[in-house]
Amino acid sequence: MAYVRLVAGATTTGEALLTAVRDWLPEQAVPAAVRIVDSFPLDANGKVDRAALTRDAAAPDGTGAPDAGTAGADAPAPATPGERIVLDAVRDLLARPATALTDNFTKAGGTSIVAARLLTVIEKECGVRLRAPELLRQPDLRAVAALVDRRRAAARGTGA
């Protein structure tokens, strides 16, 4: 997620900015979404309060540009324990409550650091240890959850 404060008099949308930067940034540097903000909240030390930015972006108040890559309200609900764990963890780690099982992890805003945190959550919650390449190769979060569910079932079957 990128937060952008426009100069006085400028008008654009988050999607237009994403389209423009794709022409000159490498794909891994293009943010998953752009949120237009009126100002940056500051903490007591005068630095940008990132937690407040994230909270404001997650609030359904209609401000800023919509997140790119999120699924609509018609997205399927989690059905398995793995789906619930993966979806809840990704929504929490990305601070994007609209993330759906049909979203691709990296296109939803997942980075290598977020991937490491997600793998830690999966291991703590399920006892399943995945490697980052396994996570990143999956086409969507439902496939990640299916991998978790398969590994969990295999571990139970072997008595581990």
Protein backbone atom coordinates (compact mmCIF):
# COMPACT_ATOMS: atom_id res chain seq x y z
CA MET A 1 0.00 0.00 0.00
CA ALA A 2 1.28 3.43 -0.90
CA TYR A 3 -0.10 6.61 0.62
CA VAL A 4 0.03 9.72 -1.55
CA ARG A 5 -0.68 13.33 -0.69
CA LEU A 6 -1.32 15.34 -3.83
CA VAL A 7 0.05 18.84 -4.31
CA ALA A 8 -2.49 21.65 -4.17
CA GLY A 9 -4.69 21.68 -7.24
CA ALA A 10 -3.69 18.23 -8.48
CA THR A 11 -6.34 15.62 -9.14
CA THR A 12 -5.91 11.93 -9.90
CA THR A 13 -6.98 8.52 -8.65
CA GLY A 14 -5.03 5.73 -7.03
CA GLU A 15 -5.63 3.52 -10.06
CA ALA A 16 -4.28 6.21 -12.42
CA LEU A 17 -1.12 6.50 -10.32
CA LEU A 18 -0.66 2.72 -10.34
CA THR A 19 -1.00 2.65 -14.12
CA ALA A 20 1.56 5.43 -14.48
CA VAL A 21 4.21 3.91 -12.20
CA ARG A 22 3.97 0.49 -13.86
CA ASP A 23 5.65 2.05 -16.91
CA TRP A 24 8.83 2.96 -15.05
CA LEU A 25 9.04 0.85 -11.88
CA PRO A 26 9.98 -2.84 -11.77
CA GLU A 27 6.89 -4.96 -11.00
CA GLN A 28 8.11 -5.90 -7.50
CA ALA A 29 8.33 -2.20 -6.62
CA VAL A 30 4.78 -1.35 -7.73
CA PRO A 31 2.52 -1.07 -4.67
CA ALA A 32 -0.55 -3.29 -4.48
CA ALA A 33 -2.74 -0.24 -4.00
CA VAL A 34 -2.56 3.54 -3.69
CA ARG A 35 -4.56 5.53 -1.18
CA ILE A 36 -4.90 9.28 -1.69
CA VAL A 37 -4.76 11.09 1.67
CA ASP A 38 -5.40 14.71 2.63
CA SER A 39 -2.61 14.68 5.19
CA PHE A 40 -0.26 12.34 7.00
CA PRO A 41 -1.02 11.77 10.69
CA LEU A 42 1.98 12.48 12.90
CA ASP A 43 3.04 10.82 16.14
CA ALA A 44 4.34 12.63 19.23
CA ASN A 45 7.83 12.83 17.67
CA GLY A 46 6.58 14.49 14.50
CA LYS A 47 7.07 11.37 12.37
CA VAL A 48 4.39 9.81 10.18
CA ASP A 49 2.15 7.63 12.35
CA ARG A 50 2.03 4.48 10.21
CA ALA A 51 -0.43 2.72 12.50
CA ALA A 52 -2.88 5.60 12.16
CA LEU A 53 -2.46 5.56 8.37
CA THR A 54 -3.25 1.85 8.28
CA ARG A 55 -6.28 2.26 10.55
CA ASP A 56 -7.58 5.12 8.43
CA ALA A 57 -7.08 3.11 5.22
CA ALA A 58 -8.98 0.13 6.64
CA ALA A 59 -11.90 2.28 7.80
CA PRO A 60 -14.90 1.96 5.48
CA ASP A 61 -15.47 5.72 5.33
CA GLY A 62 -15.09 6.11 1.58
CA THR A 63 -12.03 8.35 1.72
CA GLY A 64 -9.12 7.86 -0.63
CA ALA A 65 -8.86 5.54 -3.56
CA PRO A 66 -10.15 2.01 -3.23
CA ASP A 67 -7.67 -0.76 -2.65
CA ALA A 68 -6.62 -2.43 -5.88
CA GLY A 69 -6.87 -6.19 -6.07
CA THR A 70 -9.49 -6.81 -3.43
CA ALA A 71 -12.39 -9.11 -4.06
CA GLY A 72 -15.98 -7.98 -3.83
CA ALA A 73 -18.60 -8.89 -1.28
CA ASP A 74 -19.58 -11.93 -3.37
CA ALA A 75 -16.29 -13.69 -2.55
CA PRO A 76 -16.70 -17.12 -0.96
CA ALA A 77 -16.41 -17.36 2.81
CA PRO A 78 -13.73 -19.53 4.43
CA ALA A 79 -14.88 -23.15 4.73
CA THR A 80 -11.92 -25.03 6.23
CA PRO A 81 -9.76 -24.35 9.29
CA GLY A 82 -6.82 -23.56 7.02
CA GLU A 83 -8.89 -21.07 5.03
CA ARG A 84 -10.03 -19.29 8.19
CA ILE A 85 -6.51 -19.12 9.63
CA VAL A 86 -4.84 -17.97 6.39
CA LEU A 87 -7.52 -15.41 5.55
CA ASP A 88 -7.69 -13.96 9.07
CA ALA A 89 -3.90 -13.75 9.28
CA VAL A 90 -3.50 -12.09 5.87
CA ARG A 91 -6.28 -9.59 6.58
CA ASP A 92 -4.63 -8.72 9.89
CA LEU A 93 -1.06 -8.56 8.56
CA LEU A 94 -2.01 -6.44 5.56
CA ALA A 95 -4.61 -4.39 7.47
CA ARG A 96 -6.97 -5.05 4.57
CA PRO A 97 -10.23 -6.52 5.85
CA ALA A 98 -11.63 -6.84 2.32
CA THR A 99 -8.99 -9.38 1.30
CA ALA A 100 -10.61 -12.59 0.00
CA LEU A 101 -9.52 -16.18 -0.52
CA THR A 102 -9.50 -15.55 -4.25
CA ASP A 103 -6.80 -12.84 -3.91
CA ASN A 104 -3.19 -13.52 -4.80
CA PHE A 105 -0.93 -12.94 -1.80
CA THR A 106 1.56 -10.62 -3.50
CA LYS A 107 -1.06 -8.74 -5.54
CA ALA A 108 -3.01 -8.15 -2.32
CA GLY A 109 0.05 -6.37 -0.91
CA GLY A 110 2.07 -9.24 0.54
CA THR A 111 5.81 -8.66 0.76
CA SER A 112 8.64 -10.94 1.83
CA ILE A 113 8.41 -9.57 5.37
CA VAL A 114 4.65 -10.14 5.50
CA ALA A 115 5.20 -13.63 4.05
CA ALA A 116 7.62 -14.43 6.88
CA ARG A 117 5.08 -13.20 9.43
CA LEU A 118 2.31 -15.21 7.78
CA LEU A 119 4.44 -18.36 7.84
CA THR A 120 5.05 -17.80 11.55
CA VAL A 121 1.30 -17.44 12.20
CA ILE A 122 0.53 -20.59 10.22
CA GLU A 123 3.16 -22.55 12.15
CA LYS A 124 1.92 -21.29 15.54
CA GLU A 125 -1.78 -21.81 14.75
CA CYS A 126 -1.61 -25.06 12.78
CA GLY A 127 1.75 -26.63 13.56
CA VAL A 128 2.44 -26.62 9.81
CA ARG A 129 5.79 -25.32 8.62
CA LEU A 130 5.81 -23.92 5.09
CA ARG A 131 8.68 -22.32 3.22
CA ALA A 132 8.34 -18.92 1.57
CA PRO A 133 8.66 -20.29 -2.00
CA GLU A 134 5.76 -22.67 -1.32
CA LEU A 135 3.62 -19.75 -0.19
CA LEU A 136 4.57 -17.45 -3.05
CA ARG A 137 3.99 -20.08 -5.76
CA GLN A 138 0.31 -20.44 -4.88
CA PRO A 139 -2.12 -18.64 -7.22
CA ASP A 140 -4.38 -17.41 -4.42
CA LEU A 141 -4.99 -17.59 -0.68
CA ARG A 142 -7.39 -20.53 -1.09
CA ALA A 143 -4.50 -22.56 -2.56
CA VAL A 144 -2.28 -21.55 0.37
CA ALA A 145 -5.00 -22.71 2.76
CA ALA A 146 -5.42 -26.00 0.86
CA LEU A 147 -1.68 -26.61 1.24
CA VAL A 148 -1.95 -25.92 4.97
CA ASP A 149 -4.96 -28.25 5.29
CA ARG A 150 -3.16 -31.05 3.38
CA ARG A 151 -0.03 -30.75 5.52
CA ARG A 152 -2.11 -30.66 8.67
CA ALA A 153 -4.03 -33.79 7.67
CA ALA A 154 -0.80 -35.59 6.72
CA ALA A 155 0.75 -34.73 10.09
CA ARG A 156 -2.28 -36.12 11.91
CA GLY A 157 -2.21 -39.28 9.78
CA THR A 158 1.38 -40.03 10.75
CA GLY A 159 0.73 -39.42 14.44
CA ALA A 160 2.84 -36.27 14.54
